[in-house]
Amino acid sequence: MHANASMLSYVFFSCLLLSVQAHDCQVREIMLFTNRLLAEKLQDKTSVNCSCREPTANSCLCLPIPEPGHELSCFVEGTERLMNASVTSEATTLQLLNRSFQTQLERKFCGQLSRSDQCQSKTKGNMKEFLTQIRKSYQEIKKSKA
């Protein structure tokens, strides 16, 4: 009986590990949360029209648009800034996104997005541009796994 129980535990653990590895980039969840936030932001014309490329972009929440290989660290930084500035309707979704990005970065999941723990960004973008960059990055992962 003891041997069967330990074998069952081993099989269960192996299945769990494979399940976690298969979902390490959480593409479906990230896309769902990002699309939800984008849909809300498209209704808010100030965030859509806000430009971070102009020197007078004081009222704009300008977020990092990451260089290749620095996506996860910039996504963590950007979602943290959004959580600090967000309204309560977005807070839960932003927390889920941020937690997912932090886990992926810490555990070195999604290697193509996490070559560095430091965010490197040459440009800044408004919330819509930032969320669009997240969606684009995860769409590329989805295509490469298909």
N, C-alpha and C. Protein backbone atom coordinates (compact mmCIF):
# COMPACT_ATOMS: atom_id res chain seq x y z
N MET A 1 0.82 -1.20 0.00
CA MET A 1 0.00 0.00 0.00
C MET A 1 0.86 1.26 0.00
N HIS A 2 1.96 1.26 0.78
CA HIS A 2 2.83 2.41 0.86
C HIS A 2 3.48 2.73 -0.48
N ALA A 3 3.90 1.69 -1.21
CA ALA A 3 4.51 1.89 -2.52
C ALA A 3 3.52 2.50 -3.50
N ASN A 4 2.26 2.06 -3.45
CA ASN A 4 1.25 2.61 -4.34
C ASN A 4 0.98 4.08 -4.03
N ALA A 5 0.96 4.42 -2.74
CA ALA A 5 0.71 5.81 -2.34
C ALA A 5 1.84 6.72 -2.80
N SER A 6 3.09 6.25 -2.66
CA SER A 6 4.20 7.10 -3.08
C SER A 6 4.25 7.21 -4.61
N MET A 7 3.89 6.14 -5.31
CA MET A 7 3.84 6.19 -6.77
C MET A 7 2.74 7.15 -7.23
N LEU A 8 1.61 7.11 -6.55
CA LEU A 8 0.51 8.01 -6.88
C LEU A 8 0.94 9.46 -6.64
N SER A 9 1.64 9.72 -5.55
CA SER A 9 2.14 11.07 -5.27
C SER A 9 3.10 11.53 -6.35
N TYR A 10 3.98 10.63 -6.79
CA TYR A 10 4.94 10.95 -7.83
C TYR A 10 4.23 11.30 -9.14
N VAL A 11 3.24 10.50 -9.51
CA VAL A 11 2.49 10.74 -10.75
C VAL A 11 1.75 12.07 -10.66
N PHE A 12 1.13 12.32 -9.53
CA PHE A 12 0.40 13.57 -9.33
C PHE A 12 1.35 14.76 -9.44
N PHE A 13 2.50 14.69 -8.76
CA PHE A 13 3.48 15.78 -8.80
C PHE A 13 3.99 16.00 -10.21
N SER A 14 4.26 14.93 -10.93
CA SER A 14 4.74 15.05 -12.31
C SER A 14 3.71 15.72 -13.20
N CYS A 15 2.45 15.35 -13.05
CA CYS A 15 1.38 15.98 -13.84
C CYS A 15 1.25 17.46 -13.50
N LEU A 16 1.35 17.77 -12.22
CA LEU A 16 1.27 19.16 -11.79
C LEU A 16 2.42 19.97 -12.36
N LEU A 17 3.61 19.43 -12.33
CA LEU A 17 4.78 20.12 -12.87
C LEU A 17 4.64 20.36 -14.37
N LEU A 18 4.19 19.36 -15.09
CA LEU A 18 3.98 19.52 -16.53
C LEU A 18 2.91 20.56 -16.82
N SER A 19 1.88 20.58 -16.01
CA SER A 19 0.81 21.56 -16.18
C SER A 19 1.34 22.97 -15.98
N VAL A 20 2.16 23.17 -14.95
CA VAL A 20 2.73 24.49 -14.69
C VAL A 20 3.66 24.90 -15.82
N GLN A 21 4.49 23.98 -16.29
CA GLN A 21 5.41 24.32 -17.36
C GLN A 21 4.66 24.66 -18.64
N ALA A 22 3.57 24.00 -18.91
CA ALA A 22 2.80 24.27 -20.12
C ALA A 22 2.14 25.64 -20.09
N HIS A 23 1.88 26.13 -18.89
CA HIS A 23 1.19 27.42 -18.76
C HIS A 23 2.13 28.51 -18.26
N ASP A 24 3.43 28.31 -18.35
CA ASP A 24 4.37 29.24 -17.75
C ASP A 24 4.26 30.66 -18.27
N CYS A 25 3.89 30.85 -19.50
CA CYS A 25 3.73 32.21 -20.02
C CYS A 25 2.32 32.75 -19.82
N GLN A 26 1.39 31.92 -19.46
CA GLN A 26 0.01 32.33 -19.18
C GLN A 26 -0.56 33.22 -20.29
N VAL A 27 -0.29 32.84 -21.52
CA VAL A 27 -0.67 33.67 -22.67
C VAL A 27 -2.16 33.97 -22.67
N ARG A 28 -2.98 32.95 -22.50
CA ARG A 28 -4.43 33.15 -22.57
C ARG A 28 -4.91 34.13 -21.50
N GLU A 29 -4.42 33.96 -20.27
CA GLU A 29 -4.83 34.84 -19.18
C GLU A 29 -4.35 36.27 -19.39
N ILE A 30 -3.10 36.42 -19.79
CA ILE A 30 -2.54 37.76 -20.03
C ILE A 30 -3.34 38.46 -21.13
N MET A 31 -3.63 37.74 -22.19
CA MET A 31 -4.40 38.33 -23.30
C MET A 31 -5.80 38.74 -22.83
N LEU A 32 -6.43 37.91 -22.04
CA LEU A 32 -7.77 38.21 -21.53
C LEU A 32 -7.76 39.49 -20.70
N PHE A 33 -6.84 39.58 -19.74
CA PHE A 33 -6.76 40.76 -18.87
C PHE A 33 -6.39 42.02 -19.66
N THR A 34 -5.46 41.88 -20.58
CA THR A 34 -5.02 43.03 -21.38
C THR A 34 -6.15 43.53 -22.27
N ASN A 35 -6.85 42.62 -22.92
CA ASN A 35 -7.97 43.01 -23.77
C ASN A 35 -9.07 43.69 -22.96
N ARG A 36 -9.30 43.20 -21.75
CA ARG A 36 -10.32 43.81 -20.88
C ARG A 36 -9.93 45.26 -20.55
N LEU A 37 -8.67 45.47 -20.19
CA LEU A 37 -8.21 46.83 -19.87
C LEU A 37 -8.22 47.73 -21.10
N LEU A 38 -7.82 47.19 -22.24
CA LEU A 38 -7.84 47.98 -23.47
C LEU A 38 -9.26 48.41 -23.84
N ALA A 39 -10.21 47.53 -23.68
CA ALA A 39 -11.61 47.86 -23.98
C ALA A 39 -12.09 49.01 -23.09
N GLU A 40 -11.69 48.98 -21.82
CA GLU A 40 -12.08 50.06 -20.91
C GLU A 40 -11.40 51.37 -21.30
N LYS A 41 -10.12 51.30 -21.67
CA LYS A 41 -9.35 52.50 -21.98
C LYS A 41 -9.76 53.13 -23.29
N LEU A 42 -10.22 52.34 -24.24
CA LEU A 42 -10.65 52.90 -25.53
C LEU A 42 -11.86 53.81 -25.34
N GLN A 43 -12.61 53.59 -24.27
CA GLN A 43 -13.77 54.44 -23.99
C GLN A 43 -13.32 55.77 -23.36
N ASP A 44 -12.13 55.78 -22.78
CA ASP A 44 -11.59 56.97 -22.12
C ASP A 44 -10.73 57.72 -23.13
N LYS A 45 -11.27 58.74 -23.75
CA LYS A 45 -10.58 59.45 -24.84
C LYS A 45 -9.31 60.15 -24.37
N THR A 46 -9.21 60.53 -23.09
CA THR A 46 -8.00 61.22 -22.64
C THR A 46 -6.80 60.28 -22.67
N SER A 47 -6.98 59.01 -22.31
CA SER A 47 -5.84 58.08 -22.33
C SER A 47 -5.46 57.70 -23.75
N VAL A 48 -6.41 57.73 -24.67
CA VAL A 48 -6.14 57.39 -26.06
C VAL A 48 -5.41 58.54 -26.75
N ASN A 49 -5.80 59.76 -26.46
CA ASN A 49 -5.23 60.93 -27.12
C ASN A 49 -3.97 61.46 -26.43
N CYS A 50 -3.66 60.98 -25.27
CA CYS A 50 -2.51 61.45 -24.50
C CYS A 50 -1.23 61.01 -25.21
N SER A 51 -0.31 61.95 -25.41
CA SER A 51 0.94 61.64 -26.10
C SER A 51 2.13 61.81 -25.17
N CYS A 52 2.93 60.76 -25.06
CA CYS A 52 4.13 60.81 -24.22
C CYS A 52 5.35 61.23 -25.02
N ARG A 53 5.19 61.49 -26.30
CA ARG A 53 6.32 61.85 -27.14
C ARG A 53 6.54 63.36 -27.22
N GLU A 54 5.58 64.11 -26.67
CA GLU A 54 5.70 65.56 -26.67
C GLU A 54 6.30 66.01 -25.34
N PRO A 55 7.13 67.05 -25.36
CA PRO A 55 7.76 67.51 -24.12
C PRO A 55 6.78 67.99 -23.06
N THR A 56 5.58 68.36 -23.46
CA THR A 56 4.60 68.89 -22.51
C THR A 56 3.60 67.81 -22.07
N ALA A 57 4.03 66.58 -21.99
CA ALA A 57 3.13 65.48 -21.65
C ALA A 57 2.99 65.33 -20.13
N ASN A 58 2.79 66.44 -19.44
CA ASN A 58 2.71 66.43 -17.97
C ASN A 58 1.52 65.65 -17.45
N SER A 59 0.38 65.80 -18.07
CA SER A 59 -0.84 65.17 -17.57
C SER A 59 -0.95 63.71 -18.00
N CYS A 60 -0.02 63.26 -18.80
CA CYS A 60 -0.05 61.91 -19.34
C CYS A 60 0.66 60.94 -18.40
N LEU A 61 0.09 59.77 -18.20
CA LEU A 61 0.78 58.71 -17.47
C LEU A 61 1.63 57.97 -18.51
N CYS A 62 2.92 58.24 -18.52
CA CYS A 62 3.82 57.69 -19.53
C CYS A 62 4.50 56.44 -18.97
N LEU A 63 4.34 55.34 -19.69
CA LEU A 63 4.82 54.03 -19.25
C LEU A 63 5.90 53.52 -20.20
N PRO A 64 6.78 52.65 -19.69
CA PRO A 64 7.89 52.17 -20.53
C PRO A 64 7.42 51.25 -21.65
N ILE A 65 7.89 51.52 -22.85
CA ILE A 65 7.71 50.61 -23.98
C ILE A 65 9.05 49.87 -24.08
N PRO A 66 9.07 48.59 -23.73
CA PRO A 66 10.34 47.88 -23.52
C PRO A 66 11.14 47.59 -24.78
N GLU A 67 12.45 47.53 -24.56
CA GLU A 67 13.37 47.04 -25.58
C GLU A 67 13.26 45.52 -25.58
N PRO A 68 13.54 44.86 -26.70
CA PRO A 68 13.46 43.39 -26.75
C PRO A 68 14.30 42.73 -25.65
N GLY A 69 13.69 41.75 -24.98
CA GLY A 69 14.36 41.03 -23.91
C GLY A 69 14.13 41.64 -22.54
N HIS A 70 13.52 42.81 -22.48
CA HIS A 70 13.27 43.50 -21.22
C HIS A 70 11.77 43.66 -20.96
N GLU A 71 10.97 42.94 -21.72
CA GLU A 71 9.52 43.11 -21.64
C GLU A 71 8.98 42.86 -20.24
N LEU A 72 9.30 41.71 -19.64
CA LEU A 72 8.70 41.39 -18.35
C LEU A 72 9.06 42.41 -17.28
N SER A 73 10.31 42.82 -17.21
CA SER A 73 10.69 43.79 -16.19
C SER A 73 9.97 45.13 -16.42
N CYS A 74 9.81 45.52 -17.67
CA CYS A 74 9.08 46.76 -17.96
C CYS A 74 7.58 46.60 -17.72
N PHE A 75 7.04 45.41 -18.00
CA PHE A 75 5.62 45.16 -17.73
C PHE A 75 5.35 45.19 -16.22
N VAL A 76 6.27 44.69 -15.41
CA VAL A 76 6.13 44.77 -13.96
C VAL A 76 6.13 46.23 -13.53
N GLU A 77 7.13 46.97 -14.00
CA GLU A 77 7.25 48.39 -13.65
C GLU A 77 6.01 49.18 -14.08
N GLY A 78 5.58 48.96 -15.31
CA GLY A 78 4.43 49.70 -15.84
C GLY A 78 3.13 49.38 -15.12
N THR A 79 2.89 48.10 -14.84
CA THR A 79 1.65 47.75 -14.14
C THR A 79 1.66 48.26 -12.71
N GLU A 80 2.85 48.32 -12.08
CA GLU A 80 2.92 48.91 -10.73
C GLU A 80 2.55 50.38 -10.77
N ARG A 81 3.05 51.10 -11.76
CA ARG A 81 2.70 52.52 -11.90
C ARG A 81 1.21 52.68 -12.17
N LEU A 82 0.66 51.79 -13.00
CA LEU A 82 -0.78 51.85 -13.28
C LEU A 82 -1.61 51.57 -12.04
N MET A 83 -1.18 50.61 -11.23
CA MET A 83 -1.92 50.30 -10.00
C MET A 83 -1.95 51.50 -9.07
N ASN A 84 -0.84 52.24 -8.99
CA ASN A 84 -0.78 53.42 -8.14
C ASN A 84 -1.68 54.54 -8.64
N ALA A 85 -1.92 54.58 -9.94
CA ALA A 85 -2.72 55.65 -10.54
C ALA A 85 -4.13 55.22 -10.92
N SER A 86 -4.47 53.96 -10.72
CA SER A 86 -5.72 53.44 -11.28
C SER A 86 -6.93 53.73 -10.41
N VAL A 87 -8.06 53.59 -11.07
CA VAL A 87 -9.33 53.64 -10.36
C VAL A 87 -9.65 52.21 -9.90
N THR A 88 -10.54 52.06 -8.96
CA THR A 88 -10.80 50.75 -8.36
C THR A 88 -11.32 49.71 -9.34
N SER A 89 -12.00 50.12 -10.40
CA SER A 89 -12.54 49.13 -11.35
C SER A 89 -11.43 48.39 -12.09
N GLU A 90 -10.26 49.02 -12.21
CA GLU A 90 -9.14 48.39 -12.91
C GLU A 90 -8.18 47.69 -11.96
N ALA A 91 -8.25 47.98 -10.68
CA ALA A 91 -7.24 47.54 -9.73
C ALA A 91 -7.04 46.03 -9.69
N THR A 92 -8.11 45.26 -9.64
CA THR A 92 -7.98 43.81 -9.56
C THR A 92 -7.32 43.24 -10.80
N THR A 93 -7.73 43.69 -11.96
CA THR A 93 -7.15 43.20 -13.20
C THR A 93 -5.67 43.56 -13.27
N LEU A 94 -5.32 44.78 -12.88
CA LEU A 94 -3.92 45.19 -12.88
C LEU A 94 -3.10 44.38 -11.89
N GLN A 95 -3.66 44.08 -10.72
CA GLN A 95 -2.96 43.26 -9.74
C GLN A 95 -2.69 41.87 -10.28
N LEU A 96 -3.67 41.28 -10.95
CA LEU A 96 -3.49 39.95 -11.53
C LEU A 96 -2.41 39.97 -12.61
N LEU A 97 -2.44 40.97 -13.47
CA LEU A 97 -1.41 41.10 -14.50
C LEU A 97 -0.03 41.27 -13.86
N ASN A 98 0.07 42.17 -12.90
CA ASN A 98 1.35 42.43 -12.25
C ASN A 98 1.90 41.19 -11.58
N ARG A 99 1.06 40.46 -10.89
CA ARG A 99 1.49 39.23 -10.21
C ARG A 99 1.97 38.20 -11.23
N SER A 100 1.27 38.08 -12.34
CA SER A 100 1.68 37.15 -13.40
C SER A 100 3.04 37.53 -13.96
N PHE A 101 3.23 38.82 -14.24
CA PHE A 101 4.51 39.27 -14.78
C PHE A 101 5.65 39.05 -13.77
N GLN A 102 5.39 39.34 -12.49
CA GLN A 102 6.42 39.15 -11.47
C GLN A 102 6.82 37.68 -11.35
N THR A 103 5.83 36.80 -11.36
CA THR A 103 6.11 35.36 -11.27
C THR A 103 6.91 34.89 -12.47
N GLN A 104 6.51 35.32 -13.65
CA GLN A 104 7.23 34.92 -14.86
C GLN A 104 8.66 35.43 -14.83
N LEU A 105 8.87 36.64 -14.33
CA LEU A 105 10.21 37.22 -14.27
C LEU A 105 11.06 36.50 -13.23
N GLU A 106 10.51 36.28 -12.04
CA GLU A 106 11.26 35.63 -10.96
C GLU A 106 11.64 34.20 -11.30
N ARG A 107 10.74 33.49 -11.96
CA ARG A 107 10.99 32.07 -12.26
C ARG A 107 11.61 31.85 -13.63
N LYS A 108 11.95 32.96 -14.30
CA LYS A 108 12.58 32.91 -15.61
C LYS A 108 11.72 32.18 -16.65
N PHE A 109 10.40 32.34 -16.51
CA PHE A 109 9.48 31.83 -17.52
C PHE A 109 9.51 32.80 -18.69
N CYS A 110 9.02 32.37 -19.81
CA CYS A 110 8.95 33.23 -21.00
C CYS A 110 10.31 33.85 -21.28
N GLY A 111 11.31 33.01 -21.45
CA GLY A 111 12.69 33.44 -21.60
C GLY A 111 12.91 34.56 -22.59
N GLN A 112 12.17 34.55 -23.70
CA GLN A 112 12.36 35.59 -24.71
C GLN A 112 11.95 36.97 -24.21
N LEU A 113 11.14 37.02 -23.15
CA LEU A 113 10.69 38.30 -22.61
C LEU A 113 11.46 38.73 -21.36
N SER A 114 12.34 37.86 -20.88
CA SER A 114 12.97 38.17 -19.59
C SER A 114 14.48 37.92 -19.58
N ARG A 115 15.16 38.49 -20.53
CA ARG A 115 16.62 38.33 -20.57
C ARG A 115 17.30 39.18 -19.50
N SER A 116 16.57 40.12 -18.91
CA SER A 116 17.13 41.01 -17.89
C SER A 116 16.07 41.33 -16.84
N ASP A 117 16.53 41.53 -15.61
CA ASP A 117 15.63 41.93 -14.53
C ASP A 117 15.41 43.44 -14.50
N GLN A 118 16.15 44.17 -15.33
CA GLN A 118 16.05 45.62 -15.37
C GLN A 118 15.28 46.08 -16.60
N CYS A 119 14.36 46.97 -16.39
CA CYS A 119 13.58 47.52 -17.50
C CYS A 119 14.46 48.47 -18.31
N GLN A 120 14.55 48.21 -19.60
CA GLN A 120 15.24 49.12 -20.50
C GLN A 120 14.25 49.57 -21.55
N SER A 121 14.10 50.88 -21.63
CA SER A 121 13.11 51.45 -22.53
C SER A 121 13.65 52.76 -23.10
N LYS A 122 13.60 52.89 -24.42
CA LYS A 122 14.02 54.14 -25.06
C LYS A 122 12.84 55.07 -25.26
N THR A 123 11.62 54.50 -25.25
CA THR A 123 10.43 55.32 -25.46
C THR A 123 9.42 55.07 -24.36
N LYS A 124 8.53 56.01 -24.22
CA LYS A 124 7.42 55.92 -23.27
C LYS A 124 6.13 55.99 -24.08
N GLY A 125 5.09 55.40 -23.52
CA GLY A 125 3.80 55.43 -24.18
C GLY A 125 2.68 55.60 -23.18
N ASN A 126 1.52 55.99 -23.66
CA ASN A 126 0.37 56.11 -22.77
C ASN A 126 -0.16 54.70 -22.43
N MET A 127 -1.19 54.63 -21.65
CA MET A 127 -1.70 53.34 -21.19
C MET A 127 -2.12 52.45 -22.36
N LYS A 128 -2.76 53.03 -23.35
CA LYS A 128 -3.19 52.24 -24.51
C LYS A 128 -1.98 51.65 -25.24
N GLU A 129 -0.95 52.46 -25.45
CA GLU A 129 0.26 51.97 -26.14
C GLU A 129 0.96 50.89 -25.32
N PHE A 130 1.01 51.07 -24.00
CA PHE A 130 1.63 50.09 -23.11
C PHE A 130 0.88 48.75 -23.16
N LEU A 131 -0.44 48.81 -23.04
CA LEU A 131 -1.25 47.59 -23.08
C LEU A 131 -1.17 46.93 -24.46
N THR A 132 -1.12 47.72 -25.51
CA THR A 132 -0.98 47.17 -26.85
C THR A 132 0.35 46.44 -27.00
N GLN A 133 1.40 46.96 -26.37
CA GLN A 133 2.71 46.30 -26.41
C GLN A 133 2.66 44.97 -25.68
N ILE A 134 1.96 44.91 -24.55
CA ILE A 134 1.80 43.65 -23.82
C ILE A 134 1.10 42.64 -24.72
N ARG A 135 -0.02 43.06 -25.32
CA ARG A 135 -0.78 42.16 -26.19
C ARG A 135 0.06 41.67 -27.36
N LYS A 136 0.81 42.57 -27.98
CA LYS A 136 1.66 42.21 -29.11
C LYS A 136 2.72 41.17 -28.68
N SER A 137 3.34 41.37 -27.54
CA SER A 137 4.37 40.44 -27.06
C SER A 137 3.81 39.04 -26.83
N TYR A 138 2.63 38.96 -26.24
CA TYR A 138 2.04 37.66 -25.95
C TYR A 138 1.41 37.02 -27.19
N GLN A 139 0.98 37.84 -28.16
CA GLN A 139 0.51 37.28 -29.43
C GLN A 139 1.66 36.60 -30.16
N GLU A 140 2.85 37.17 -30.07
CA GLU A 140 4.02 36.57 -30.71
C GLU A 140 4.36 35.22 -30.06
N ILE A 141 4.22 35.13 -28.74
CA ILE A 141 4.45 33.85 -28.05
C ILE A 141 3.42 32.83 -28.50
N LYS A 142 2.18 33.26 -28.60
CA LYS A 142 1.11 32.37 -29.02
C LYS A 142 1.38 31.84 -30.43
N LYS A 143 1.81 32.71 -31.33
CA LYS A 143 2.12 32.29 -32.71
C LYS A 143 3.27 31.29 -32.72
N SER A 144 4.30 31.54 -31.93
CA SER A 144 5.48 30.66 -31.94
C SER A 144 5.19 29.29 -31.36
N LYS A 145 4.17 29.19 -30.49
CA LYS A 145 3.81 27.89 -29.91
C LYS A 145 2.78 27.16 -30.75
N ALA A 146 2.20 27.83 -31.72
CA ALA A 146 1.16 27.20 -32.55
C ALA A 146 1.74 26.31 -33.62
